[in-house]
Amino acid sequence: MRKLAVVQWVSGEDAGMYSEVKTEAIRKYDDTKMDDDGYPQTDYSAAVEWQKGKKPKHGWPVYMASIKFVS
């Protein structure tokens, strides 16, 4: 299974910026939406956990992001 993804944040304080995240941080990640080279076959947006610093007791904040590439 692919472990890392490049995402472009759609919402949150980093909207418009790119980040590398673990695919496990992508809620309901679906690898069938990606081609063999790791690019999305169509626009692929998903809820992604913002895992920065120590995990809060109530869990990671979640923001929408566009999945750009996975490896």
N, C-alpha and C. Protein backbone atom coordinates (compact mmCIF):
# COMPACT_ATOMS: atom_id res chain seq x y z
N MET A 1 0.84 -1.19 0.00
CA MET A 1 0.00 0.00 0.00
C MET A 1 0.87 1.25 0.00
N ARG A 2 0.41 2.26 -0.66
CA ARG A 2 1.15 3.52 -0.72
C ARG A 2 1.07 4.22 0.63
N LYS A 3 2.18 4.83 1.05
CA LYS A 3 2.27 5.38 2.40
C LYS A 3 2.22 6.89 2.49
N LEU A 4 2.63 7.61 1.44
CA LEU A 4 2.70 9.07 1.51
C LEU A 4 1.89 9.71 0.39
N ALA A 5 1.39 10.91 0.67
CA ALA A 5 0.61 11.65 -0.32
C ALA A 5 1.00 13.11 -0.29
N VAL A 6 0.95 13.74 -1.45
CA VAL A 6 1.08 15.20 -1.54
C VAL A 6 -0.34 15.73 -1.68
N VAL A 7 -0.70 16.65 -0.79
CA VAL A 7 -2.04 17.23 -0.82
C VAL A 7 -1.95 18.75 -0.92
N GLN A 8 -2.98 19.34 -1.49
CA GLN A 8 -3.13 20.79 -1.48
C GLN A 8 -4.35 21.08 -0.61
N TRP A 9 -4.12 21.83 0.47
CA TRP A 9 -5.18 22.14 1.42
C TRP A 9 -6.22 23.04 0.77
N VAL A 10 -7.49 22.68 0.93
CA VAL A 10 -8.61 23.46 0.40
C VAL A 10 -9.18 24.36 1.49
N SER A 11 -9.09 23.92 2.74
CA SER A 11 -9.61 24.70 3.86
C SER A 11 -8.58 24.72 4.99
N GLY A 12 -8.86 25.52 6.00
CA GLY A 12 -7.96 25.65 7.14
C GLY A 12 -6.95 26.77 6.93
N GLU A 13 -6.09 26.96 7.93
CA GLU A 13 -5.13 28.07 7.88
C GLU A 13 -4.10 27.93 6.77
N ASP A 14 -3.89 26.72 6.26
CA ASP A 14 -2.92 26.49 5.19
C ASP A 14 -3.58 26.33 3.82
N ALA A 15 -4.81 26.80 3.66
CA ALA A 15 -5.52 26.67 2.38
C ALA A 15 -4.66 27.19 1.24
N GLY A 16 -4.55 26.37 0.18
CA GLY A 16 -3.75 26.73 -0.99
C GLY A 16 -2.33 26.21 -0.94
N MET A 17 -1.86 25.81 0.24
CA MET A 17 -0.49 25.32 0.39
C MET A 17 -0.45 23.80 0.20
N TYR A 18 0.75 23.29 -0.09
CA TYR A 18 0.96 21.86 -0.28
C TYR A 18 1.66 21.27 0.94
N SER A 19 1.33 20.00 1.24
CA SER A 19 1.98 19.27 2.32
C SER A 19 2.13 17.81 1.93
N GLU A 20 3.09 17.15 2.56
CA GLU A 20 3.22 15.71 2.44
C GLU A 20 2.62 15.10 3.70
N VAL A 21 1.69 14.16 3.53
CA VAL A 21 1.03 13.53 4.67
C VAL A 21 1.05 12.02 4.48
N LYS A 22 0.87 11.30 5.57
CA LYS A 22 0.73 9.84 5.49
C LYS A 22 -0.66 9.53 4.93
N THR A 23 -0.75 8.50 4.09
CA THR A 23 -2.06 8.15 3.53
C THR A 23 -3.03 7.74 4.63
N GLU A 24 -2.53 7.27 5.77
CA GLU A 24 -3.42 6.89 6.87
C GLU A 24 -4.12 8.12 7.47
N ALA A 25 -3.61 9.32 7.20
CA ALA A 25 -4.24 10.55 7.68
C ALA A 25 -5.40 10.98 6.79
N ILE A 26 -5.54 10.34 5.62
CA ILE A 26 -6.62 10.67 4.68
C ILE A 26 -7.82 9.80 5.04
N ARG A 27 -8.90 10.44 5.44
CA ARG A 27 -10.11 9.70 5.82
C ARG A 27 -10.67 8.97 4.61
N LYS A 28 -10.95 7.69 4.79
CA LYS A 28 -11.51 6.84 3.74
C LYS A 28 -10.68 6.87 2.46
N TYR A 29 -9.35 6.82 2.61
CA TYR A 29 -8.45 6.84 1.44
C TYR A 29 -8.80 5.68 0.51
N ASP A 30 -8.89 5.96 -0.78
CA ASP A 30 -9.26 4.97 -1.79
C ASP A 30 -8.20 4.95 -2.89
N ASP A 31 -7.31 3.96 -2.84
CA ASP A 31 -6.22 3.88 -3.81
C ASP A 31 -6.71 3.60 -5.23
N THR A 32 -7.94 3.11 -5.37
CA THR A 32 -8.45 2.84 -6.72
C THR A 32 -8.72 4.14 -7.48
N LYS A 33 -8.73 5.28 -6.80
CA LYS A 33 -8.91 6.57 -7.47
C LYS A 33 -7.60 7.11 -8.05
N MET A 34 -6.49 6.38 -7.81
CA MET A 34 -5.18 6.80 -8.29
C MET A 34 -4.74 5.88 -9.44
N ASP A 35 -3.97 6.43 -10.40
CA ASP A 35 -3.46 5.58 -11.48
C ASP A 35 -2.21 4.84 -11.01
N ASP A 36 -1.65 4.03 -11.89
CA ASP A 36 -0.48 3.22 -11.53
C ASP A 36 0.74 4.05 -11.16
N ASP A 37 0.82 5.28 -11.67
CA ASP A 37 1.96 6.15 -11.38
C ASP A 37 1.77 6.99 -10.12
N GLY A 38 0.58 6.93 -9.51
CA GLY A 38 0.34 7.65 -8.27
C GLY A 38 -0.42 8.96 -8.42
N TYR A 39 -0.90 9.25 -9.63
CA TYR A 39 -1.66 10.48 -9.86
C TYR A 39 -3.16 10.17 -9.83
N PRO A 40 -3.99 11.12 -9.38
CA PRO A 40 -5.43 10.87 -9.37
C PRO A 40 -5.98 10.76 -10.79
N GLN A 41 -6.92 9.82 -10.98
CA GLN A 41 -7.54 9.64 -12.30
C GLN A 41 -8.51 10.78 -12.60
N THR A 42 -9.12 11.34 -11.57
CA THR A 42 -10.00 12.51 -11.66
C THR A 42 -9.72 13.36 -10.43
N ASP A 43 -10.36 14.51 -10.32
CA ASP A 43 -10.20 15.32 -9.11
C ASP A 43 -10.54 14.47 -7.90
N TYR A 44 -9.67 14.47 -6.90
CA TYR A 44 -9.87 13.65 -5.71
C TYR A 44 -9.67 14.53 -4.48
N SER A 45 -10.78 14.88 -3.84
CA SER A 45 -10.73 15.64 -2.60
C SER A 45 -11.17 14.75 -1.46
N ALA A 46 -10.59 14.96 -0.29
CA ALA A 46 -10.92 14.14 0.87
C ALA A 46 -10.65 14.92 2.15
N ALA A 47 -11.24 14.45 3.23
CA ALA A 47 -10.97 15.00 4.55
C ALA A 47 -9.64 14.42 5.02
N VAL A 48 -8.74 15.30 5.48
CA VAL A 48 -7.40 14.87 5.89
C VAL A 48 -7.12 15.40 7.30
N GLU A 49 -6.57 14.52 8.15
CA GLU A 49 -6.19 14.93 9.50
C GLU A 49 -4.93 15.78 9.44
N TRP A 50 -4.94 16.93 10.12
CA TRP A 50 -3.78 17.81 10.20
C TRP A 50 -2.96 17.34 11.39
N GLN A 51 -1.97 16.46 11.15
CA GLN A 51 -1.17 15.85 12.20
C GLN A 51 0.10 16.66 12.42
N LYS A 52 -0.02 17.71 13.23
CA LYS A 52 1.11 18.59 13.52
C LYS A 52 1.30 18.65 15.03
N GLY A 53 2.53 18.38 15.47
CA GLY A 53 2.81 18.42 16.90
C GLY A 53 2.23 17.22 17.61
N LYS A 54 1.97 17.39 18.91
CA LYS A 54 1.44 16.31 19.74
C LYS A 54 -0.06 16.16 19.50
N LYS A 55 -0.54 14.91 19.42
CA LYS A 55 -1.95 14.66 19.16
C LYS A 55 -2.81 15.20 20.31
N PRO A 56 -3.78 16.05 20.00
CA PRO A 56 -4.68 16.57 21.03
C PRO A 56 -5.57 15.46 21.59
N LYS A 57 -6.04 15.63 22.81
CA LYS A 57 -6.90 14.63 23.44
C LYS A 57 -8.17 14.37 22.64
N HIS A 58 -8.70 15.40 22.01
CA HIS A 58 -9.94 15.26 21.24
C HIS A 58 -9.69 14.79 19.80
N GLY A 59 -8.44 14.55 19.44
CA GLY A 59 -8.09 14.07 18.10
C GLY A 59 -7.58 15.19 17.21
N TRP A 60 -7.06 14.79 16.06
CA TRP A 60 -6.50 15.76 15.11
C TRP A 60 -7.60 16.58 14.46
N PRO A 61 -7.33 17.87 14.17
CA PRO A 61 -8.30 18.63 13.37
C PRO A 61 -8.31 18.08 11.95
N VAL A 62 -9.46 18.19 11.29
CA VAL A 62 -9.63 17.64 9.95
C VAL A 62 -10.01 18.77 8.99
N TYR A 63 -9.32 18.81 7.85
CA TYR A 63 -9.58 19.82 6.82
C TYR A 63 -9.69 19.14 5.47
N MET A 64 -10.37 19.77 4.54
CA MET A 64 -10.49 19.24 3.19
C MET A 64 -9.20 19.55 2.41
N ALA A 65 -8.80 18.58 1.59
CA ALA A 65 -7.60 18.73 0.77
C ALA A 65 -7.81 18.01 -0.56
N SER A 66 -7.09 18.47 -1.56
CA SER A 66 -7.08 17.84 -2.87
C SER A 66 -5.85 16.94 -2.94
N ILE A 67 -6.05 15.66 -3.23
CA ILE A 67 -4.95 14.70 -3.29
C ILE A 67 -4.28 14.86 -4.66
N LYS A 68 -2.97 15.15 -4.66
CA LYS A 68 -2.25 15.42 -5.90
C LYS A 68 -1.37 14.26 -6.37
N PHE A 69 -0.82 13.49 -5.42
CA PHE A 69 0.12 12.42 -5.77
C PHE A 69 0.29 11.50 -4.56
N VAL A 70 0.46 10.21 -4.80
CA VAL A 70 0.76 9.26 -3.72
C VAL A 70 1.93 8.38 -4.13
N SER A 71 2.67 7.93 -3.12
CA SER A 71 3.78 7.00 -3.39
C SER A 71 3.89 5.99 -2.27
